Structures are given as C-alpha cells and as structure tokens.
Amino acid sequence: MSHSHSHAHSHSHAHDHDSIAASPDRREGKLFVAFALTLVTLIVEAIGGYLSGSLALLADAGHMLVDALALLFAWLGARFAKRAADERRSYGYARVEVLVGYTNALAQFVLVAWIGFEAISRLFAPAPILSGLMLWVAISGLAVNGLVLRMLHGHDENDLNTAGARLHVMGDLLGSLGAVVAASLIAWFDWLWADPAISILVSLLILRSAWRLLARSAHILLEGAPQGLGAAQLSEAVTAAGIGVDEIHHVHVWELAGGRAMATLHARIGASAEPDTVLAQLRSLLRERFGIVHVTVQIESTPCRGEQCGGLHG
C-alpha cells in the first residue's frame, strides 16, 4: 500500500437552490411574454421588409426569428432547469441553459453570414426602397424590443439562459434602431446604400456579443474553472485557513451552470484533527469564500505518494 485512506470520505450536498434564480416562475413568465411579443413583431417586420424592399428590416426580422427561438428555448430551459435530479440526470437539468446559450450563439453566426452576403450584394446593386413604410415598421420594432429588453433586465448575470435571450433582444434593438436611421437617410437624402451599410454595422455588433456568449458557454461545457477561481488559489486559501488541513491535491473545480461552482479534492489532515469538524469547516470556507455550492472531499491522514499528488487540476 503506497498510502492509506481514512474512511471519512464525505460528500457535501449543500446545494443553494435559492441563489440559482430569484423567483424562477416569474422569470419563466417574463420569458414567455417576451417570446410572444417578439414573434408578432418579427412577422410585422418580415412583411414590412418584403413590401418596402428593405434589407435592414429583413435582417432585423431574420435576427428576430433567431431571437424568438432563443426566447422560446430560454423559456423551455427555465422550465427544464427546475426539474429535479433523477436516475439518469444526477445533477438535474441546470446545464440545459448552457446548451441553449451555446446553440443561440452558433445560430447568430449563421445569421450574420447571411446578412453580410446580402448587404454586400446590395451595395453593388442598390434596390428601390419604400422609406415611409420602412420607417414606421422600424419604429414599431424599436418600441417592442425596448419593452422586451426592459422586461428581461435585472436578471442574475450568471444565468446564461436569460443572458442569451437578452443578448438577442439587444441585437434586435440595435437592428431596429439601425433600420430607423437607414429609413430616415433614404427618405431625406435618397441614400439607398444606407440600408445595406447599416445592416453590416448591426451584424458586426451581433457578432461581438455572440462570440462572448459562445466562449462563456463553451468554457462551462468543457468543465473549465470559474473565472478567478483556480485550483492553486483554492489550495492556498484552504491550507492558510488554519482549519486542520495540511495540504490538498487532486483538485478539480468546474461549473454546473453559470454561477454554480463545484469541486472535488483530496485533503490531508493532521493527526490530531477531527475529520468531521475539518470537513464542516472546509465546506463552509469553500461556500463563503468561493461560492462553491457542491463539494466532494476525500479525507486522508498520510502524505500522498504518486505522480498526480502535486498536481492541481482546475
């Protein structure tokens, strides 16, 4: 035997369900109303874009279609996330929101590529546009998007699900604003190029936000350590806390979903330390200092010997 393990192998199941979302039912209701409003507006914008010949309106309607799907998935994600853990999903369904955020971001890239291709074609061959109709449809779209964005404001910033939905609506708001500006320039100066030019500008703004959402969702799906929470930092804090832990190793830190950090680790304790007391203090330290809501700790009383003992895995 290279080293012995004490049998004080304990799991902390201190899940903080209240911190996941303030009033999940209320958030769920808001997402559904936002979906319904967006669906109606995108139909109006699509018809208006087709009748007026405006790419900026069609692009915004296209973005709103993705947006409506985003809100629909966000609503479904909020419903699924509340489902309790079962035999097949021992962690529950909280990560549905991360999958939704990741899928939304990918859909945005496809949309931006289409807008870019269409806009460049139109810059070389401007098409006639009914600026009056375009302006009124764009203003109505701007008003609805502003209302939806206000409804989704103030959510928990760690909730990737609502963050993804809000990102889409922000893009829509910019799209509608761009369409208002383009319609005004066409009406006053007959600048037909303003329509595709503003479409390109809006698509670049969408692209930047989509990239950030994709990167964050992918990091969580790849079991990356939460921002500002590395294994070395964790080890330093635990050993310096004076709770009877001499050293920790085999550390893994990851997020189940946005804002729900989890960890597993081996902790070597002193000969005189009481395992249950150390475990309780360690769980408390990790929750209060690092926001780790679930930790699995293996208590050891002898030094670890092996290749991975010194390794800290985040």
C-alpha atoms as a PDB file:
ATOM      1  CA  MET A   1       0.000   0.000   0.000  1.00  0.00           C
ATOM      2  CA  SER A   2       1.537   3.286  -1.019  1.00  0.00           C
ATOM      3  CA  HIS A   3      -0.759   5.220   1.273  1.00  0.00           C
ATOM      4  CA  SER A   4      -3.902   4.647   3.253  1.00  0.00           C
ATOM      5  CA  HIS A   5      -7.197   6.474   3.088  1.00  0.00           C
ATOM      6  CA  SER A   6      -9.315   7.028   6.118  1.00  0.00           C
ATOM      7  CA  HIS A   7     -12.911   6.134   5.521  1.00  0.00           C
ATOM      8  CA  ALA A   8     -14.098   9.664   6.214  1.00  0.00           C
ATOM      9  CA  HIS A   9     -14.956  10.054   2.552  1.00  0.00           C
ATOM     10  CA  SER A  10     -17.711  12.600   2.707  1.00  0.00           C
ATOM     11  CA  HIS A  11     -19.902  14.456   0.283  1.00  0.00           C
ATOM     12  CA  SER A  12     -21.228  17.927   0.838  1.00  0.00           C
ATOM     13  CA  HIS A  13     -24.679  18.263  -0.643  1.00  0.00           C
ATOM     14  CA  ALA A  14     -25.109  21.879   0.296  1.00  0.00           C
ATOM     15  CA  HIS A  15     -26.908  22.954  -2.854  1.00  0.00           C
ATOM     16  CA  ASP A  16     -28.012  26.563  -2.674  1.00  0.00           C
ATOM     17  CA  HIS A  17     -31.143  26.369  -4.772  1.00  0.00           C
ATOM     18  CA  ASP A  18     -32.329  29.823  -3.724  1.00  0.00           C
ATOM     19  CA  SER A  19     -29.287  31.506  -5.278  1.00  0.00           C
ATOM     20  CA  ILE A  20     -29.839  29.948  -8.687  1.00  0.00           C
ATOM     21  CA  ALA A  21     -32.586  32.363  -9.617  1.00  0.00           C
ATOM     22  CA  ALA A  22     -34.751  34.811  -7.801  1.00  0.00           C
ATOM     23  CA  SER A  23     -38.359  33.791  -8.403  1.00  0.00           C
ATOM     24  CA  PRO A  24     -37.882  31.294 -11.268  1.00  0.00           C
ATOM     25  CA  ASP A  25     -41.636  31.217 -12.018  1.00  0.00           C
ATOM     26  CA  ARG A  26     -41.707  34.977 -12.532  1.00  0.00           C
ATOM     27  CA  ARG A  27     -38.646  34.811 -14.794  1.00  0.00           C
ATOM     28  CA  GLU A  28     -40.244  31.973 -16.739  1.00  0.00           C
ATOM     29  CA  GLY A  29     -43.435  34.031 -17.256  1.00  0.00           C
ATOM     30  CA  LYS A  30     -41.445  37.041 -18.455  1.00  0.00           C
ATOM     31  CA  LEU A  31     -39.584  34.886 -20.974  1.00  0.00           C
ATOM     32  CA  PHE A  32     -42.833  33.551 -22.411  1.00  0.00           C
ATOM     33  CA  VAL A  33     -44.391  37.031 -22.798  1.00  0.00           C
ATOM     34  CA  ALA A  34     -41.136  38.239 -24.390  1.00  0.00           C
ATOM     35  CA  PHE A  35     -41.312  35.307 -26.849  1.00  0.00           C
ATOM     36  CA  ALA A  36     -44.929  36.126 -27.824  1.00  0.00           C
ATOM     37  CA  LEU A  37     -44.188  39.840 -28.354  1.00  0.00           C
ATOM     38  CA  THR A  38     -41.076  39.072 -30.405  1.00  0.00           C
ATOM     39  CA  LEU A  39     -42.916  36.568 -32.603  1.00  0.00           C
ATOM     40  CA  VAL A  40     -45.606  39.118 -33.514  1.00  0.00           C
ATOM     41  CA  THR A  41     -43.004  41.837 -34.192  1.00  0.00           C
ATOM     42  CA  LEU A  42     -40.847  39.636 -36.405  1.00  0.00           C
ATOM     43  CA  ILE A  43     -43.892  38.790 -38.586  1.00  0.00           C
ATOM     44  CA  VAL A  44     -44.664  42.520 -38.932  1.00  0.00           C
ATOM     45  CA  GLU A  45     -41.009  43.308 -39.755  1.00  0.00           C
ATOM     46  CA  ALA A  46     -40.727  40.462 -42.277  1.00  0.00           C
ATOM     47  CA  ILE A  47     -43.870  41.617 -44.129  1.00  0.00           C
ATOM     48  CA  GLY A  48     -42.735  45.261 -43.884  1.00  0.00           C
ATOM     49  CA  GLY A  49     -39.243  44.394 -45.125  1.00  0.00           C
ATOM     50  CA  TYR A  50     -40.613  42.408 -48.053  1.00  0.00           C
ATOM     51  CA  LEU A  51     -43.123  45.116 -49.079  1.00  0.00           C
ATOM     52  CA  SER A  52     -40.705  48.033 -48.655  1.00  0.00           C
ATOM     53  CA  GLY A  53     -37.672  46.232 -50.110  1.00  0.00           C
ATOM     54  CA  SER A  54     -35.535  46.966 -47.029  1.00  0.00           C
ATOM     55  CA  LEU A  55     -32.673  44.597 -46.187  1.00  0.00           C
ATOM     56  CA  ALA A  56     -32.228  46.283 -42.792  1.00  0.00           C
ATOM     57  CA  LEU A  57     -35.812  45.326 -41.889  1.00  0.00           C
ATOM     58  CA  LEU A  58     -35.453  41.810 -43.304  1.00  0.00           C
ATOM     59  CA  ALA A  59     -32.150  41.389 -41.444  1.00  0.00           C
ATOM     60  CA  ASP A  60     -33.787  42.541 -38.223  1.00  0.00           C
ATOM     61  CA  ALA A  61     -36.726  40.204 -38.859  1.00  0.00           C
ATOM     62  CA  GLY A  62     -34.253  37.368 -39.504  1.00  0.00           C
ATOM     63  CA  HIS A  63     -32.460  38.199 -36.301  1.00  0.00           C
ATOM     64  CA  MET A  64     -35.779  38.347 -34.501  1.00  0.00           C
ATOM     65  CA  LEU A  65     -36.621  34.876 -35.780  1.00  0.00           C
ATOM     66  CA  VAL A  66     -33.447  33.593 -34.115  1.00  0.00           C
ATOM     67  CA  ASP A  67     -34.364  35.790 -31.160  1.00  0.00           C
ATOM     68  CA  ALA A  68     -37.868  34.325 -30.913  1.00  0.00           C
ATOM     69  CA  LEU A  69     -36.349  30.826 -30.960  1.00  0.00           C
ATOM     70  CA  ALA A  70     -33.825  31.968 -28.327  1.00  0.00           C
ATOM     71  CA  LEU A  71     -36.618  33.189 -26.077  1.00  0.00           C
ATOM     72  CA  LEU A  72     -38.607  30.006 -26.687  1.00  0.00           C
ATOM     73  CA  PHE A  73     -35.575  27.862 -25.789  1.00  0.00           C
ATOM     74  CA  ALA A  74     -34.808  30.117 -22.814  1.00  0.00           C
ATOM     75  CA  TRP A  75     -38.358  29.601 -21.584  1.00  0.00           C
ATOM     76  CA  LEU A  76     -38.079  25.835 -22.090  1.00  0.00           C
ATOM     77  CA  GLY A  77     -34.625  25.936 -20.470  1.00  0.00           C
ATOM     78  CA  ALA A  78     -36.047  27.736 -17.420  1.00  0.00           C
ATOM     79  CA  ARG A  79     -38.727  25.036 -17.152  1.00  0.00           C
ATOM     80  CA  PHE A  80     -36.225  22.184 -17.520  1.00  0.00           C
ATOM     81  CA  ALA A  81     -33.742  23.722 -15.073  1.00  0.00           C
ATOM     82  CA  LYS A  82     -36.377  23.475 -12.319  1.00  0.00           C
ATOM     83  CA  ARG A  83     -36.789  19.742 -12.823  1.00  0.00           C
ATOM     84  CA  ALA A  84     -35.370  17.679 -10.002  1.00  0.00           C
ATOM     85  CA  ALA A  85     -32.434  15.329 -10.446  1.00  0.00           C
ATOM     86  CA  ASP A  86     -33.364  11.801 -11.463  1.00  0.00           C
ATOM     87  CA  GLU A  87     -31.640   8.454 -12.027  1.00  0.00           C
ATOM     88  CA  ARG A  88     -30.306   9.461 -15.455  1.00  0.00           C
ATOM     89  CA  ARG A  89     -29.522  13.119 -14.624  1.00  0.00           C
ATOM     90  CA  SER A  90     -27.985  13.070 -11.152  1.00  0.00           C
ATOM     91  CA  TYR A  91     -27.136  16.785 -11.371  1.00  0.00           C
ATOM     92  CA  GLY A  92     -30.601  17.740 -12.594  1.00  0.00           C
ATOM     93  CA  TYR A  93     -31.221  19.797 -15.728  1.00  0.00           C
ATOM     94  CA  ALA A  94     -29.494  23.084 -14.853  1.00  0.00           C
ATOM     95  CA  ARG A  95     -26.997  22.729 -17.696  1.00  0.00           C
ATOM     96  CA  VAL A  96     -29.810  22.928 -20.271  1.00  0.00           C
ATOM     97  CA  GLU A  97     -29.416  26.715 -20.031  1.00  0.00           C
ATOM     98  CA  VAL A  98     -25.739  26.465 -21.043  1.00  0.00           C
ATOM     99  CA  LEU A  99     -26.595  24.272 -24.048  1.00  0.00           C
ATOM    100  CA  VAL A 100     -29.255  26.791 -25.065  1.00  0.00           C
ATOM    101  CA  GLY A 101     -26.786  29.676 -24.779  1.00  0.00           C
ATOM    102  CA  TYR A 102     -24.198  27.809 -26.865  1.00  0.00           C
ATOM    103  CA  THR A 103     -26.732  26.922 -29.585  1.00  0.00           C
ATOM    104  CA  ASN A 104     -28.043  30.501 -29.692  1.00  0.00           C
ATOM    105  CA  ALA A 105     -24.549  31.877 -30.253  1.00  0.00           C
ATOM    106  CA  LEU A 106     -23.912  29.455 -33.140  1.00  0.00           C
ATOM    107  CA  ALA A 107     -27.221  30.452 -34.758  1.00  0.00           C
ATOM    108  CA  GLN A 108     -26.143  34.105 -34.617  1.00  0.00           C
ATOM    109  CA  PHE A 109     -23.002  33.360 -36.652  1.00  0.00           C
ATOM    110  CA  VAL A 110     -25.097  31.825 -39.438  1.00  0.00           C
ATOM    111  CA  LEU A 111     -27.408  34.841 -39.434  1.00  0.00           C
ATOM    112  CA  VAL A 112     -24.523  37.327 -39.591  1.00  0.00           C
ATOM    113  CA  ALA A 113     -23.033  35.476 -42.581  1.00  0.00           C
ATOM    114  CA  TRP A 114     -26.360  35.738 -44.449  1.00  0.00           C
ATOM    115  CA  ILE A 115     -26.794  39.452 -43.670  1.00  0.00           C
ATOM    116  CA  GLY A 116     -23.205  40.169 -44.756  1.00  0.00           C
ATOM    117  CA  PHE A 117     -23.592  38.354 -48.084  1.00  0.00           C
ATOM    118  CA  GLU A 118     -26.929  40.056 -48.847  1.00  0.00           C
ATOM    119  CA  ALA A 119     -25.666  43.511 -47.824  1.00  0.00           C
ATOM    120  CA  ILE A 120     -22.527  43.357 -49.981  1.00  0.00           C
ATOM    121  CA  SER A 121     -24.648  42.312 -52.981  1.00  0.00           C
ATOM    122  CA  ARG A 122     -26.929  45.310 -52.408  1.00  0.00           C
ATOM    123  CA  LEU A 123     -24.087  47.783 -52.037  1.00  0.00           C
ATOM    124  CA  PHE A 124     -23.105  46.967 -55.638  1.00  0.00           C
ATOM    125  CA  ALA A 125     -26.688  46.822 -56.883  1.00  0.00           C
ATOM    126  CA  PRO A 126     -28.955  49.106 -54.776  1.00  0.00           C
ATOM    127  CA  ALA A 127     -32.632  48.143 -54.768  1.00  0.00           C
ATOM    128  CA  PRO A 128     -35.547  50.616 -54.530  1.00  0.00           C
ATOM    129  CA  ILE A 129     -36.959  51.043 -51.025  1.00  0.00           C
ATOM    130  CA  LEU A 130     -40.282  52.426 -49.709  1.00  0.00           C
ATOM    131  CA  SER A 131     -38.751  54.511 -46.908  1.00  0.00           C
ATOM    132  CA  GLY A 132     -42.058  55.638 -45.334  1.00  0.00           C
ATOM    133  CA  LEU A 133     -43.317  52.092 -44.705  1.00  0.00           C
ATOM    134  CA  MET A 134     -39.829  51.030 -43.632  1.00  0.00           C
ATOM    135  CA  LEU A 135     -39.645  53.855 -41.077  1.00  0.00           C
ATOM    136  CA  TRP A 136     -42.980  53.078 -39.401  1.00  0.00           C
ATOM    137  CA  VAL A 137     -42.279  49.343 -39.185  1.00  0.00           C
ATOM    138  CA  ALA A 138     -38.775  50.025 -37.803  1.00  0.00           C
ATOM    139  CA  ILE A 139     -40.157  52.402 -35.143  1.00  0.00           C
ATOM    140  CA  SER A 140     -42.742  49.824 -34.010  1.00  0.00           C
ATOM    141  CA  GLY A 141     -39.996  47.166 -33.858  1.00  0.00           C
ATOM    142  CA  LEU A 142     -37.800  49.501 -31.803  1.00  0.00           C
ATOM    143  CA  ALA A 143     -40.641  50.114 -29.319  1.00  0.00           C
ATOM    144  CA  VAL A 144     -41.387  46.387 -28.824  1.00  0.00           C
ATOM    145  CA  ASN A 145     -37.695  45.481 -28.478  1.00  0.00           C
ATOM    146  CA  GLY A 146     -37.251  48.217 -25.893  1.00  0.00           C
ATOM    147  CA  LEU A 147     -40.197  46.819 -23.929  1.00  0.00           C
ATOM    148  CA  VAL A 148     -38.892  43.227 -24.089  1.00  0.00           C
ATOM    149  CA  LEU A 149     -35.370  44.300 -23.065  1.00  0.00           C
ATOM    150  CA  ARG A 150     -36.813  46.152 -20.071  1.00  0.00           C
ATOM    151  CA  MET A 151     -38.738  43.012 -19.079  1.00  0.00           C
ATOM    152  CA  LEU A 152     -35.584  40.881 -19.157  1.00  0.00           C
ATOM    153  CA  HIS A 153     -33.410  43.458 -17.368  1.00  0.00           C
ATOM    154  CA  GLY A 154     -32.185  42.828 -13.857  1.00  0.00           C
ATOM    155  CA  HIS A 155     -31.745  39.050 -14.116  1.00  0.00           C
ATOM    156  CA  ASP A 156     -28.916  37.222 -12.390  1.00  0.00           C
ATOM    157  CA  GLU A 157     -25.833  37.856 -14.545  1.00  0.00           C
ATOM    158  CA  ASN A 158     -24.733  34.236 -14.067  1.00  0.00           C
ATOM    159  CA  ASP A 159     -27.914  32.930 -15.690  1.00  0.00           C
ATOM    160  CA  LEU A 160     -26.648  32.170 -19.203  1.00  0.00           C
ATOM    161  CA  ASN A 161     -30.138  31.269 -20.355  1.00  0.00           C
ATOM    162  CA  THR A 162     -31.685  34.693 -19.823  1.00  0.00           C
ATOM    163  CA  ALA A 163     -28.354  36.322 -20.716  1.00  0.00           C
ATOM    164  CA  GLY A 164     -28.549  34.627 -24.117  1.00  0.00           C
ATOM    165  CA  ALA A 165     -32.122  35.785 -24.630  1.00  0.00           C
ATOM    166  CA  ARG A 166     -31.254  39.326 -23.538  1.00  0.00           C
ATOM    167  CA  LEU A 167     -28.307  39.335 -25.931  1.00  0.00           C
ATOM    168  CA  HIS A 168     -30.636  38.538 -28.818  1.00  0.00           C
ATOM    169  CA  VAL A 169     -33.074  41.269 -27.838  1.00  0.00           C
ATOM    170  CA  MET A 170     -30.200  43.772 -27.530  1.00  0.00           C
ATOM    171  CA  GLY A 171     -29.189  42.861 -31.073  1.00  0.00           C
ATOM    172  CA  ASP A 172     -32.800  43.334 -32.186  1.00  0.00           C
ATOM    173  CA  LEU A 173     -32.965  46.738 -30.545  1.00  0.00           C
ATOM    174  CA  LEU A 174     -29.816  47.801 -32.397  1.00  0.00           C
ATOM    175  CA  GLY A 175     -31.222  46.301 -35.600  1.00  0.00           C
ATOM    176  CA  SER A 176     -34.470  48.255 -35.276  1.00  0.00           C
ATOM    177  CA  LEU A 177     -32.555  51.442 -34.425  1.00  0.00           C
ATOM    178  CA  GLY A 178     -30.369  50.887 -37.485  1.00  0.00           C
ATOM    179  CA  ALA A 179     -33.460  50.414 -39.648  1.00  0.00           C
ATOM    180  CA  VAL A 180     -34.935  53.695 -38.318  1.00  0.00           C
ATOM    181  CA  VAL A 181     -31.698  55.553 -39.179  1.00  0.00           C
ATOM    182  CA  ALA A 182     -31.480  53.911 -42.630  1.00  0.00           C
ATOM    183  CA  ALA A 183     -35.128  54.717 -43.417  1.00  0.00           C
ATOM    184  CA  SER A 184     -34.570  58.348 -42.381  1.00  0.00           C
ATOM    185  CA  LEU A 185     -31.457  58.709 -44.578  1.00  0.00           C
ATOM    186  CA  ILE A 186     -33.269  57.178 -47.556  1.00  0.00           C
ATOM    187  CA  ALA A 187     -36.331  59.407 -47.044  1.00  0.00           C
ATOM    188  CA  TRP A 188     -34.347  62.640 -46.671  1.00  0.00           C
ATOM    189  CA  PHE A 189     -31.315  62.106 -48.918  1.00  0.00           C
ATOM    190  CA  ASP A 190     -32.278  59.118 -51.110  1.00  0.00           C
ATOM    191  CA  TRP A 191     -29.165  57.287 -49.883  1.00  0.00           C
ATOM    192  CA  LEU A 192     -30.086  53.724 -50.834  1.00  0.00           C
ATOM    193  CA  TRP A 193     -26.678  52.451 -49.709  1.00  0.00           C
ATOM    194  CA  ALA A 194     -27.596  53.323 -46.086  1.00  0.00           C
ATOM    195  CA  ASP A 195     -29.818  50.216 -45.886  1.00  0.00           C
ATOM    196  CA  PRO A 196     -27.127  47.562 -46.566  1.00  0.00           C
ATOM    197  CA  ALA A 197     -24.418  49.620 -44.817  1.00  0.00           C
ATOM    198  CA  ILE A 198     -26.359  49.757 -41.546  1.00  0.00           C
ATOM    199  CA  SER A 199     -27.225  46.053 -41.909  1.00  0.00           C
ATOM    200  CA  ILE A 200     -23.478  45.278 -41.939  1.00  0.00           C
ATOM    201  CA  LEU A 201     -22.853  47.527 -38.922  1.00  0.00           C
ATOM    202  CA  VAL A 202     -25.607  45.804 -36.925  1.00  0.00           C
ATOM    203  CA  SER A 203     -24.318  42.353 -37.876  1.00  0.00           C
ATOM    204  CA  LEU A 204     -20.855  43.240 -36.531  1.00  0.00           C
ATOM    205  CA  LEU A 205     -22.387  44.238 -33.186  1.00  0.00           C
ATOM    206  CA  ILE A 206     -24.309  40.952 -33.092  1.00  0.00           C
ATOM    207  CA  LEU A 207     -21.102  39.052 -33.919  1.00  0.00           C
ATOM    208  CA  ARG A 208     -19.172  40.543 -30.989  1.00  0.00           C
ATOM    209  CA  SER A 209     -21.871  39.665 -28.454  1.00  0.00           C
ATOM    210  CA  ALA A 210     -22.391  36.185 -29.920  1.00  0.00           C
ATOM    211  CA  TRP A 211     -18.674  35.431 -29.638  1.00  0.00           C
ATOM    212  CA  ARG A 212     -18.667  36.326 -25.941  1.00  0.00           C
ATOM    213  CA  LEU A 213     -21.691  34.104 -25.247  1.00  0.00           C
ATOM    214  CA  LEU A 214     -20.159  31.228 -27.247  1.00  0.00           C
ATOM    215  CA  ALA A 215     -16.843  31.479 -25.380  1.00  0.00           C
ATOM    216  CA  ARG A 216     -18.509  31.511 -21.959  1.00  0.00           C
ATOM    217  CA  SER A 217     -20.883  28.629 -22.731  1.00  0.00           C
ATOM    218  CA  ALA A 218     -18.069  26.533 -24.265  1.00  0.00           C
ATOM    219  CA  HIS A 219     -15.868  27.135 -21.208  1.00  0.00           C
ATOM    220  CA  ILE A 220     -18.570  25.749 -18.906  1.00  0.00           C
ATOM    221  CA  LEU A 221     -19.283  22.786 -21.212  1.00  0.00           C
ATOM    222  CA  LEU A 222     -15.531  21.991 -21.237  1.00  0.00           C
ATOM    223  CA  GLU A 223     -15.618  21.897 -17.406  1.00  0.00           C
ATOM    224  CA  GLY A 224     -13.390  24.979 -17.203  1.00  0.00           C
ATOM    225  CA  ALA A 225     -12.694  26.568 -13.825  1.00  0.00           C
ATOM    226  CA  PRO A 226     -14.925  29.545 -12.953  1.00  0.00           C
ATOM    227  CA  GLN A 227     -13.357  32.929 -13.614  1.00  0.00           C
ATOM    228  CA  GLY A 228     -10.958  33.928 -10.842  1.00  0.00           C
ATOM    229  CA  LEU A 229     -11.140  30.517  -9.183  1.00  0.00           C
ATOM    230  CA  GLY A 230      -8.077  28.383  -9.889  1.00  0.00           C
ATOM    231  CA  ALA A 231      -7.009  25.218  -8.106  1.00  0.00           C
ATOM    232  CA  ALA A 232      -3.766  26.809  -6.858  1.00  0.00           C
ATOM    233  CA  GLN A 233      -5.724  29.726  -5.345  1.00  0.00           C
ATOM    234  CA  LEU A 234      -8.086  27.255  -3.683  1.00  0.00           C
ATOM    235  CA  SER A 235      -5.201  25.243  -2.223  1.00  0.00           C
ATOM    236  CA  GLU A 236      -3.522  28.343  -0.814  1.00  0.00           C
ATOM    237  CA  ALA A 237      -6.724  29.563   0.863  1.00  0.00           C
ATOM    238  CA  VAL A 238      -7.560  26.180   2.414  1.00  0.00           C
ATOM    239  CA  THR A 239      -4.096  25.491   3.869  1.00  0.00           C
ATOM    240  CA  ALA A 240      -3.787  29.065   5.202  1.00  0.00           C
ATOM    241  CA  ALA A 241      -7.218  28.990   6.897  1.00  0.00           C
ATOM    242  CA  GLY A 242      -5.993  27.076   9.971  1.00  0.00           C
ATOM    243  CA  ILE A 243      -8.817  24.514   9.908  1.00  0.00           C
ATOM    244  CA  GLY A 244      -6.567  21.465  10.227  1.00  0.00           C
ATOM    245  CA  VAL A 245      -5.925  20.823   6.512  1.00  0.00           C
ATOM    246  CA  ASP A 246      -2.183  20.417   5.872  1.00  0.00           C
ATOM    247  CA  GLU A 247      -2.417  20.030   2.115  1.00  0.00           C
ATOM    248  CA  ILE A 248      -4.896  19.370  -0.693  1.00  0.00           C
ATOM    249  CA  HIS A 249      -4.371  17.633  -4.043  1.00  0.00           C
ATOM    250  CA  HIS A 250      -6.324  16.054  -6.900  1.00  0.00           C
ATOM    251  CA  VAL A 251      -8.296  19.299  -7.061  1.00  0.00           C
ATOM    252  CA  HIS A 252     -10.941  19.800  -9.757  1.00  0.00           C
ATOM    253  CA  VAL A 253     -13.085  22.927  -9.965  1.00  0.00           C
ATOM    254  CA  TRP A 254     -15.834  23.482 -12.544  1.00  0.00           C
ATOM    255  CA  GLU A 255     -19.293  24.986 -13.053  1.00  0.00           C
ATOM    256  CA  LEU A 256     -22.508  23.044 -13.494  1.00  0.00           C
ATOM    257  CA  ALA A 257     -24.146  26.161 -14.942  1.00  0.00           C
ATOM    258  CA  GLY A 258     -23.492  29.883 -14.703  1.00  0.00           C
ATOM    259  CA  GLY A 259     -22.762  30.789 -11.075  1.00  0.00           C
ATOM    260  CA  ARG A 260     -22.904  27.212  -9.727  1.00  0.00           C
ATOM    261  CA  ALA A 261     -19.322  26.228  -8.920  1.00  0.00           C
ATOM    262  CA  MET A 262     -18.485  22.682  -7.861  1.00  0.00           C
ATOM    263  CA  ALA A 263     -15.312  20.953  -6.678  1.00  0.00           C
ATOM    264  CA  THR A 264     -13.743  17.623  -5.782  1.00  0.00           C
ATOM    265  CA  LEU A 265     -10.494  17.326  -3.816  1.00  0.00           C
ATOM    266  CA  HIS A 266      -8.386  15.176  -1.505  1.00  0.00           C
ATOM    267  CA  ALA A 267      -7.483  16.817   1.825  1.00  0.00           C
ATOM    268  CA  ARG A 268      -4.654  15.619   4.088  1.00  0.00           C
ATOM    269  CA  ILE A 269      -5.353  16.475   7.721  1.00  0.00           C
ATOM    270  CA  GLY A 270      -3.154  16.495  10.812  1.00  0.00           C
ATOM    271  CA  ALA A 271      -3.054  13.521  13.193  1.00  0.00           C
ATOM    272  CA  SER A 272      -4.896  15.406  15.924  1.00  0.00           C
ATOM    273  CA  ALA A 273      -7.579  16.869  13.636  1.00  0.00           C
ATOM    274  CA  GLU A 274     -11.163  15.602  13.878  1.00  0.00           C
ATOM    275  CA  PRO A 275     -12.275  14.626  10.293  1.00  0.00           C
ATOM    276  CA  ASP A 276     -15.948  15.618  10.680  1.00  0.00           C
ATOM    277  CA  THR A 277     -15.062  19.029  12.147  1.00  0.00           C
ATOM    278  CA  VAL A 278     -12.475  19.697   9.425  1.00  0.00           C
ATOM    279  CA  LEU A 279     -14.967  18.663   6.762  1.00  0.00           C
ATOM    280  CA  ALA A 280     -17.662  21.017   8.071  1.00  0.00           C
ATOM    281  CA  GLN A 281     -15.216  23.945   8.257  1.00  0.00           C
ATOM    282  CA  LEU A 282     -13.843  23.172   4.804  1.00  0.00           C
ATOM    283  CA  ARG A 283     -17.315  23.116   3.264  1.00  0.00           C
ATOM    284  CA  SER A 284     -18.168  26.397   4.968  1.00  0.00           C
ATOM    285  CA  LEU A 285     -14.915  28.016   3.760  1.00  0.00           C
ATOM    286  CA  LEU A 286     -15.421  26.926   0.154  1.00  0.00           C
ATOM    287  CA  ARG A 287     -19.036  28.156   0.121  1.00  0.00           C
ATOM    288  CA  GLU A 288     -18.383  31.548   1.728  1.00  0.00           C
ATOM    289  CA  ARG A 289     -15.056  32.393   0.095  1.00  0.00           C
ATOM    290  CA  PHE A 290     -15.530  30.902  -3.364  1.00  0.00           C
ATOM    291  CA  GLY A 291     -19.266  30.305  -3.777  1.00  0.00           C
ATOM    292  CA  ILE A 292     -18.785  26.544  -4.283  1.00  0.00           C
ATOM    293  CA  VAL A 293     -22.263  25.050  -3.809  1.00  0.00           C
ATOM    294  CA  HIS A 294     -21.319  21.362  -4.025  1.00  0.00           C
ATOM    295  CA  VAL A 295     -18.039  19.780  -2.928  1.00  0.00           C
ATOM    296  CA  THR A 296     -16.881  16.179  -2.617  1.00  0.00           C
ATOM    297  CA  VAL A 297     -13.931  15.766  -0.227  1.00  0.00           C
ATOM    298  CA  GLN A 298     -11.768  12.717   0.399  1.00  0.00           C
ATOM    299  CA  ILE A 299     -10.059  12.973   3.779  1.00  0.00           C
ATOM    300  CA  GLU A 300      -6.560  11.456   4.060  1.00  0.00           C
ATOM    301  CA  SER A 301      -4.244  11.177   7.066  1.00  0.00           C
ATOM    302  CA  THR A 302      -0.989  10.182   5.354  1.00  0.00           C
ATOM    303  CA  PRO A 303       1.025  12.055   2.675  1.00  0.00           C
ATOM    304  CA  CYS A 304       0.042  11.322  -0.895  1.00  0.00           C
ATOM    305  CA  ARG A 305       2.627   9.472  -2.982  1.00  0.00           C
ATOM    306  CA  GLY A 306       2.220   9.283  -6.707  1.00  0.00           C
ATOM    307  CA  GLU A 307       2.556  11.162  -9.957  1.00  0.00           C
ATOM    308  CA  GLN A 308      -0.542  13.317  -9.552  1.00  0.00           C
ATOM    309  CA  CYS A 309      -0.148  14.258  -5.887  1.00  0.00           C
ATOM    310  CA  GLY A 310       1.386  17.610  -6.583  1.00  0.00           C
ATOM    311  CA  GLY A 311      -0.958  18.251  -9.473  1.00  0.00           C
ATOM    312  CA  LEU A 312      -3.770  20.685  -9.062  1.00  0.00           C
ATOM    313  CA  HIS A 313      -6.429  20.297 -11.677  1.00  0.00           C
ATOM    314  CA  GLY A 314      -8.892  23.108 -12.284  1.00  0.00           C
END
